[in-house]
C-alpha atoms as a PDB file:
ATOM      1  CA  UNK A   1      -0.001  -0.332  -0.067  1.00  0.00           C
ATOM      2  CA  UNK A   2       1.305   3.638  -0.645  1.00  0.00           C
ATOM      3  CA  UNK A   3      -0.095   6.857   0.530  1.00  0.00           C
ATOM      4  CA  UNK A   4      -0.541   8.910  -2.172  1.00  0.00           C
ATOM      5  CA  UNK A   5      -0.590  12.706  -2.960  1.00  0.00           C
ATOM      6  CA  UNK A   6      -3.501  13.415  -4.967  1.00  0.00           C
ATOM      7  CA  UNK A   7      -2.446  15.787  -8.101  1.00  0.00           C
ATOM      8  CA  UNK A   8      -5.772  17.450  -7.608  1.00  0.00           C
ATOM      9  CA  UNK A   9      -7.705  17.216  -4.183  1.00  0.00           C
ATOM     10  CA  UNK A  10     -10.919  18.493  -3.976  1.00  0.00           C
ATOM     11  CA  UNK A  11     -10.307  22.715  -3.681  1.00  0.00           C
ATOM     12  CA  UNK A  12     -12.537  23.081  -0.766  1.00  0.00           C
ATOM     13  CA  UNK A  13     -10.396  20.285   1.263  1.00  0.00           C
ATOM     14  CA  UNK A  14      -7.027  21.308  -0.236  1.00  0.00           C
ATOM     15  CA  UNK A  15      -7.499  24.805   0.506  1.00  0.00           C
ATOM     16  CA  UNK A  16      -8.447  24.552   3.872  1.00  0.00           C
ATOM     17  CA  UNK A  17      -6.324  21.809   5.065  1.00  0.00           C
ATOM     18  CA  UNK A  18      -2.985  23.709   3.523  1.00  0.00           C
ATOM     19  CA  UNK A  19      -4.082  27.157   5.117  1.00  0.00           C
ATOM     20  CA  UNK A  20      -3.814  25.251   8.705  1.00  0.00           C
ATOM     21  CA  UNK A  21      -0.186  24.755   8.678  1.00  0.00           C
ATOM     22  CA  UNK A  22       0.831  27.684   6.528  1.00  0.00           C
ATOM     23  CA  UNK A  23      -0.961  30.429   8.478  1.00  0.00           C
ATOM     24  CA  UNK A  24      -1.054  30.765  12.137  1.00  0.00           C
ATOM     25  CA  UNK A  25      -4.704  30.218  13.650  1.00  0.00           C
ATOM     26  CA  UNK A  26      -5.021  33.997  14.708  1.00  0.00           C
ATOM     27  CA  UNK A  27      -4.961  35.153  11.142  1.00  0.00           C
ATOM     28  CA  UNK A  28      -6.690  32.211   9.564  1.00  0.00           C
ATOM     29  CA  UNK A  29     -10.258  33.258   7.989  1.00  0.00           C
ATOM     30  CA  UNK A  30     -13.162  31.514   9.150  1.00  0.00           C
ATOM     31  CA  UNK A  31     -13.696  30.852   5.283  1.00  0.00           C
ATOM     32  CA  UNK A  32     -10.571  28.723   5.305  1.00  0.00           C
ATOM     33  CA  UNK A  33     -11.226  26.575   8.655  1.00  0.00           C
ATOM     34  CA  UNK A  34     -15.367  26.036   8.079  1.00  0.00           C
ATOM     35  CA  UNK A  35     -14.715  23.618   5.074  1.00  0.00           C
ATOM     36  CA  UNK A  36     -12.734  21.350   7.276  1.00  0.00           C
ATOM     37  CA  UNK A  37     -15.178  20.754   9.864  1.00  0.00           C
ATOM     38  CA  UNK A  38     -17.949  20.018   7.680  1.00  0.00           C
ATOM     39  CA  UNK A  39     -15.759  17.551   5.912  1.00  0.00           C
ATOM     40  CA  UNK A  40     -14.786  15.980   8.953  1.00  0.00           C
ATOM     41  CA  UNK A  41     -18.408  15.771  10.364  1.00  0.00           C
ATOM     42  CA  UNK A  42     -19.251  13.157   6.995  1.00  0.00           C
ATOM     43  CA  UNK A  43     -16.574  10.805   8.212  1.00  0.00           C
ATOM     44  CA  UNK A  44     -14.658   8.709   6.231  1.00  0.00           C
ATOM     45  CA  UNK A  45     -11.133  10.143   7.495  1.00  0.00           C
ATOM     46  CA  UNK A  46      -8.300   8.729   9.654  1.00  0.00           C
ATOM     47  CA  UNK A  47      -6.557  11.048  12.051  1.00  0.00           C
ATOM     48  CA  UNK A  48      -2.743  10.288  12.924  1.00  0.00           C
ATOM     49  CA  UNK A  49      -1.910  12.097  15.838  1.00  0.00           C
ATOM     50  CA  UNK A  50       1.326  12.882  17.762  1.00  0.00           C
ATOM     51  CA  UNK A  51       0.654  12.541  21.594  1.00  0.00           C
ATOM     52  CA  UNK A  52       0.159  16.121  23.178  1.00  0.00           C
ATOM     53  CA  UNK A  53       3.041  17.880  25.171  1.00  0.00           C
ATOM     54  CA  UNK A  54       4.668  15.798  27.222  1.00  0.00           C
ATOM     55  CA  UNK A  55       8.283  16.010  29.065  1.00  0.00           C
ATOM     56  CA  UNK A  56      11.120  14.086  28.120  1.00  0.00           C
ATOM     57  CA  UNK A  57      11.653  13.798  31.768  1.00  0.00           C
ATOM     58  CA  UNK A  58      10.283  10.788  33.715  1.00  0.00           C
ATOM     59  CA  UNK A  59       8.395  11.945  36.994  1.00  0.00           C
ATOM     60  CA  UNK A  60       9.808  10.210  40.261  1.00  0.00           C
ATOM     61  CA  UNK A  61       6.854   8.846  42.414  1.00  0.00           C
ATOM     62  CA  UNK A  62       6.566  11.878  44.468  1.00  0.00           C
ATOM     63  CA  UNK A  63       5.212  13.933  41.255  1.00  0.00           C
ATOM     64  CA  UNK A  64       3.781  11.409  39.039  1.00  0.00           C
ATOM     65  CA  UNK A  65      -0.041  11.228  38.657  1.00  0.00           C
ATOM     66  CA  UNK A  66      -1.455   8.755  41.004  1.00  0.00           C
ATOM     67  CA  UNK A  67      -2.385   6.351  38.129  1.00  0.00           C
ATOM     68  CA  UNK A  68       0.938   6.696  36.580  1.00  0.00           C
ATOM     69  CA  UNK A  69       2.401   3.717  38.681  1.00  0.00           C
ATOM     70  CA  UNK A  70       5.604   2.678  36.608  1.00  0.00           C
ATOM     71  CA  UNK A  71       5.923   5.616  36.335  1.00  0.00           C
ATOM     72  CA  UNK A  72       6.489   6.913  32.606  1.00  0.00           C
ATOM     73  CA  UNK A  73       6.506  10.267  31.058  1.00  0.00           C
ATOM     74  CA  UNK A  74       3.161  12.060  31.394  1.00  0.00           C
ATOM     75  CA  UNK A  75       1.274  15.111  29.880  1.00  0.00           C
ATOM     76  CA  UNK A  76       2.523  18.402  31.337  1.00  0.00           C
ATOM     77  CA  UNK A  77      -0.199  21.397  31.771  1.00  0.00           C
ATOM     78  CA  UNK A  78       0.176  22.487  28.139  1.00  0.00           C
ATOM     79  CA  UNK A  79      -0.585  18.904  27.257  1.00  0.00           C
ATOM     80  CA  UNK A  80      -3.495  18.672  29.177  1.00  0.00           C
ATOM     81  CA  UNK A  81      -5.121  21.772  28.424  1.00  0.00           C
ATOM     82  CA  UNK A  82      -4.856  21.456  24.539  1.00  0.00           C
ATOM     83  CA  UNK A  83      -6.186  17.970  24.628  1.00  0.00           C
ATOM     84  CA  UNK A  84      -9.455  18.869  26.445  1.00  0.00           C
ATOM     85  CA  UNK A  85      -9.550  21.984  24.446  1.00  0.00           C
ATOM     86  CA  UNK A  86      -9.109  19.412  20.877  1.00  0.00           C
ATOM     87  CA  UNK A  87     -11.813  17.135  22.710  1.00  0.00           C
ATOM     88  CA  UNK A  88     -14.439  20.172  23.321  1.00  0.00           C
ATOM     89  CA  UNK A  89     -13.845  21.585  19.559  1.00  0.00           C
ATOM     90  CA  UNK A  90     -14.617  17.737  18.097  1.00  0.00           C
ATOM     91  CA  UNK A  91     -17.718  18.120  20.148  1.00  0.00           C
ATOM     92  CA  UNK A  92     -18.717  21.753  19.044  1.00  0.00           C
ATOM     93  CA  UNK A  93     -17.845  20.657  15.651  1.00  0.00           C
ATOM     94  CA  UNK A  94     -19.879  17.442  15.543  1.00  0.00           C
ATOM     95  CA  UNK A  95     -16.982  15.390  14.343  1.00  0.00           C
ATOM     96  CA  UNK A  96     -17.897  11.573  14.597  1.00  0.00           C
ATOM     97  CA  UNK A  97     -15.000   9.537  16.330  1.00  0.00           C
ATOM     98  CA  UNK A  98     -15.390   6.082  15.749  1.00  0.00           C
ATOM     99  CA  UNK A  99     -12.532   3.730  16.198  1.00  0.00           C
ATOM    100  CA  UNK A 100      -9.494   5.037  18.550  1.00  0.00           C
ATOM    101  CA  UNK A 101      -6.132   3.151  18.489  1.00  0.00           C
ATOM    102  CA  UNK A 102      -3.196   4.215  21.001  1.00  0.00           C
ATOM    103  CA  UNK A 103       0.145   3.751  21.737  1.00  0.00           C
ATOM    104  CA  UNK A 104       0.484   1.720  25.150  1.00  0.00           C
ATOM    105  CA  UNK A 105       2.201   4.608  26.555  1.00  0.00           C
ATOM    106  CA  UNK A 106       0.946   6.478  29.361  1.00  0.00           C
ATOM    107  CA  UNK A 107       1.495   9.935  27.758  1.00  0.00           C
ATOM    108  CA  UNK A 108      -0.528   8.459  24.797  1.00  0.00           C
ATOM    109  CA  UNK A 109      -3.348   7.318  26.767  1.00  0.00           C
ATOM    110  CA  UNK A 110      -3.718  10.525  28.574  1.00  0.00           C
ATOM    111  CA  UNK A 111      -3.908  12.556  25.339  1.00  0.00           C
ATOM    112  CA  UNK A 112      -7.118  10.506  24.553  1.00  0.00           C
ATOM    113  CA  UNK A 113      -8.416  10.577  27.901  1.00  0.00           C
ATOM    114  CA  UNK A 114      -8.476  14.203  28.421  1.00  0.00           C
ATOM    115  CA  UNK A 115      -9.621  14.736  24.832  1.00  0.00           C
ATOM    116  CA  UNK A 116     -12.510  12.187  25.955  1.00  0.00           C
ATOM    117  CA  UNK A 117     -12.175  10.366  22.815  1.00  0.00           C
ATOM    118  CA  UNK A 118     -13.315   7.227  24.207  1.00  0.00           C
ATOM    119  CA  UNK A 119     -11.583   3.961  25.296  1.00  0.00           C
ATOM    120  CA  UNK A 120      -8.674   3.099  22.890  1.00  0.00           C
ATOM    121  CA  UNK A 121      -7.556  -0.023  21.669  1.00  0.00           C
ATOM    122  CA  UNK A 122      -3.854  -0.212  22.716  1.00  0.00           C
ATOM    123  CA  UNK A 123      -1.677  -1.661  19.942  1.00  0.00           C
ATOM    124  CA  UNK A 124       1.923  -2.457  20.526  1.00  0.00           C
ATOM    125  CA  UNK A 125       3.091  -0.867  16.856  1.00  0.00           C
ATOM    126  CA  UNK A 126       2.081   2.223  17.952  1.00  0.00           C
ATOM    127  CA  UNK A 127       4.389   2.596  20.809  1.00  0.00           C
ATOM    128  CA  UNK A 128       7.755   3.560  21.716  1.00  0.00           C
ATOM    129  CA  UNK A 129       9.511   0.175  22.058  1.00  0.00           C
ATOM    130  CA  UNK A 130      10.031   0.811  25.428  1.00  0.00           C
ATOM    131  CA  UNK A 131      12.856   3.412  24.516  1.00  0.00           C
ATOM    132  CA  UNK A 132      10.664   6.909  25.329  1.00  0.00           C
ATOM    133  CA  UNK A 133      10.807   7.138  21.541  1.00  0.00           C
ATOM    134  CA  UNK A 134      14.517   7.294  20.484  1.00  0.00           C
ATOM    135  CA  UNK A 135      13.577   5.357  17.102  1.00  0.00           C
ATOM    136  CA  UNK A 136      10.518   4.090  15.449  1.00  0.00           C
ATOM    137  CA  UNK A 137      10.053   0.228  16.342  1.00  0.00           C
ATOM    138  CA  UNK A 138      10.762  -2.436  13.634  1.00  0.00           C
ATOM    139  CA  UNK A 139       8.143  -2.606  10.846  1.00  0.00           C
ATOM    140  CA  UNK A 140       6.301   0.081  12.257  1.00  0.00           C
ATOM    141  CA  UNK A 141       6.412   2.000   9.320  1.00  0.00           C
ATOM    142  CA  UNK A 142       5.174  -0.398   6.826  1.00  0.00           C
ATOM    143  CA  UNK A 143       2.434  -1.049   9.389  1.00  0.00           C
ATOM    144  CA  UNK A 144       1.350   2.528  10.093  1.00  0.00           C
ATOM    145  CA  UNK A 145       0.715   3.295   6.197  1.00  0.00           C
ATOM    146  CA  UNK A 146      -1.475   0.024   5.526  1.00  0.00           C
ATOM    147  CA  UNK A 147      -3.702   1.129   8.650  1.00  0.00           C
ATOM    148  CA  UNK A 148      -4.033   4.528   7.379  1.00  0.00           C
ATOM    149  CA  UNK A 149      -5.424   2.772   4.415  1.00  0.00           C
ATOM    150  CA  UNK A 150      -8.139   1.238   6.524  1.00  0.00           C
ATOM    151  CA  UNK A 151     -11.557   2.959   5.679  1.00  0.00           C
ATOM    152  CA  UNK A 152     -13.034   4.011   8.881  1.00  0.00           C
ATOM    153  CA  UNK A 153     -16.746   2.366  10.252  1.00  0.00           C
ATOM    154  CA  UNK A 154     -19.399   4.346   8.113  1.00  0.00           C
ATOM    155  CA  UNK A 155     -20.056   8.029   9.307  1.00  0.00           C
ATOM    156  CA  UNK A 156     -16.874   7.900  11.928  1.00  0.00           C
ATOM    157  CA  UNK A 157     -13.404   9.283  11.452  1.00  0.00           C
ATOM    158  CA  UNK A 158     -10.471   6.747  12.983  1.00  0.00           C
ATOM    159  CA  UNK A 159      -8.198   8.464  15.478  1.00  0.00           C
ATOM    160  CA  UNK A 160      -4.383   6.740  15.988  1.00  0.00           C
ATOM    161  CA  UNK A 161      -2.680   8.494  18.793  1.00  0.00           C
ATOM    162  CA  UNK A 162       1.174   7.331  18.503  1.00  0.00           C
ATOM    163  CA  UNK A 163       4.899   9.071  18.851  1.00  0.00           C
ATOM    164  CA  UNK A 164       6.659  11.256  16.225  1.00  0.00           C
ATOM    165  CA  UNK A 165       9.618   8.647  14.931  1.00  0.00           C
ATOM    166  CA  UNK A 166       6.730   6.503  13.992  1.00  0.00           C
ATOM    167  CA  UNK A 167       5.101   9.193  11.880  1.00  0.00           C
ATOM    168  CA  UNK A 168       8.050  10.365  10.453  1.00  0.00           C
ATOM    169  CA  UNK A 169       9.000   6.918   9.481  1.00  0.00           C
ATOM    170  CA  UNK A 170       6.018   6.062   7.457  1.00  0.00           C
ATOM    171  CA  UNK A 171       5.297   9.709   6.419  1.00  0.00           C
ATOM    172  CA  UNK A 172       8.769  11.616   6.050  1.00  0.00           C
ATOM    173  CA  UNK A 173       7.679  13.710   3.037  1.00  0.00           C
ATOM    174  CA  UNK A 174       4.241  14.934   5.282  1.00  0.00           C
ATOM    175  CA  UNK A 175       5.651  15.035   8.879  1.00  0.00           C
ATOM    176  CA  UNK A 176       8.681  17.942   8.886  1.00  0.00           C
ATOM    177  CA  UNK A 177       8.821  19.745  12.148  1.00  0.00           C
ATOM    178  CA  UNK A 178       5.566  18.052  13.446  1.00  0.00           C
ATOM    179  CA  UNK A 179       4.520  19.783  16.881  1.00  0.00           C
ATOM    180  CA  UNK A 180       3.171  17.889  19.987  1.00  0.00           C
ATOM    181  CA  UNK A 181      -0.161  17.293  19.496  1.00  0.00           C
ATOM    182  CA  UNK A 182      -0.161  17.691  15.751  1.00  0.00           C
ATOM    183  CA  UNK A 183      -2.743  15.552  13.573  1.00  0.00           C
ATOM    184  CA  UNK A 184      -2.001  14.262   9.806  1.00  0.00           C
ATOM    185  CA  UNK A 185      -5.432  13.910   7.950  1.00  0.00           C
ATOM    186  CA  UNK A 186      -5.501  10.861   5.393  1.00  0.00           C
ATOM    187  CA  UNK A 187      -8.509  10.100   3.107  1.00  0.00           C
ATOM    188  CA  UNK A 188      -8.290   6.180   2.375  1.00  0.00           C
ATOM    189  CA  UNK A 189      -9.806   5.390  -1.011  1.00  0.00           C
ATOM    190  CA  UNK A 190     -11.211   1.955  -0.292  1.00  0.00           C
ATOM    191  CA  UNK A 191      -8.870   0.373  -2.695  1.00  0.00           C
ATOM    192  CA  UNK A 192      -5.710   0.093  -0.281  1.00  0.00           C
ATOM    193  CA  UNK A 193      -4.493   3.766  -0.846  1.00  0.00           C
ATOM    194  CA  UNK A 194      -5.016   6.616   1.128  1.00  0.00           C
ATOM    195  CA  UNK A 195      -4.809  10.402   0.295  1.00  0.00           C
ATOM    196  CA  UNK A 196      -2.546  12.941   2.470  1.00  0.00           C
ATOM    197  CA  UNK A 197      -4.974  15.640   2.906  1.00  0.00           C
ATOM    198  CA  UNK A 198      -3.261  17.957   5.636  1.00  0.00           C
ATOM    199  CA  UNK A 199      -1.886  18.665   8.916  1.00  0.00           C
ATOM    200  CA  UNK A 200      -3.632  20.188  11.926  1.00  0.00           C
ATOM    201  CA  UNK A 201      -1.955  21.367  15.171  1.00  0.00           C
ATOM    202  CA  UNK A 202      -3.678  20.577  18.291  1.00  0.00           C
ATOM    203  CA  UNK A 203      -4.025  24.326  19.381  1.00  0.00           C
ATOM    204  CA  UNK A 204      -5.880  25.133  16.039  1.00  0.00           C
ATOM    205  CA  UNK A 205      -9.079  22.969  16.864  1.00  0.00           C
ATOM    206  CA  UNK A 206     -10.486  25.559  19.169  1.00  0.00           C
ATOM    207  CA  UNK A 207     -10.081  28.375  16.455  1.00  0.00           C
ATOM    208  CA  UNK A 208     -11.668  25.776  13.823  1.00  0.00           C
ATOM    209  CA  UNK A 209     -14.620  25.492  15.966  1.00  0.00           C
ATOM    210  CA  UNK A 210     -15.142  29.208  16.827  1.00  0.00           C
ATOM    211  CA  UNK A 211     -15.048  29.902  12.939  1.00  0.00           C
ATOM    212  CA  UNK A 212     -17.363  27.028  12.158  1.00  0.00           C
ATOM    213  CA  UNK A 213     -20.187  27.089  14.834  1.00  0.00           C
ATOM    214  CA  UNK A 214     -21.161  30.919  14.203  1.00  0.00           C
END
C-alpha cells in the first residue's frame, strides 16, 4: 500500500487543510476553516496524531500522577489543556469519532483521556518500543501506512495516537517539524491506498470550532 499525494485534491479540502499549517491560527480566515469541519463531520478520514505535550523527564513517584504507577512520561499542563480543548472542539463541531487506536504509553493514553475520545484499543506497533521514543520500532512504518489506508466505520473518523518517530518513519515527506499533538489527515480510497489531506496543530482545533459554529 502506498499513501498517495493526489495531484488535485478537492479544492475545498486542499485550500482548507493547507491553510491550517501555512497560516497562524489567529490570522486564518473563517472561510478557510469551516470546510474542514464540514468534511470531517461526514466521516471517512483517518487522523494520525502525535501525543500532546509531554516533558522528556520521567517523573518520580512523588510527582507522578496517581495512576502513573511505573512511572512513565506524562503530559504537562499544556498537554492536558490542549487535549481537553481539542476534545471540546470536536464535540462543538460534531466530528464523529469511531475507532481509537493508541500507543500503550501513558502519555498517549492520557492524550485520549483528556480529549474524551473514548476507550482506545492499545496497539504495540503504535508504541515507543520501551525506549521513550528514540527510534521507530522495527516494522512500524509499513504497518502504519497500511493502517491509515483502512476505511473507518461508516459515518465516523478513526483516530490513531502515537509518537513522532513512528509518524516520521512512515510519512517523512508530510511530517517535518511535527509539533506535540499535531495531526496528519488521510482519506482512505477503499482500494488499499490513502490520500494525504493536510495537517492540523492541536491548538488550532478551538479556532476551527470558533470559526465554524458562528
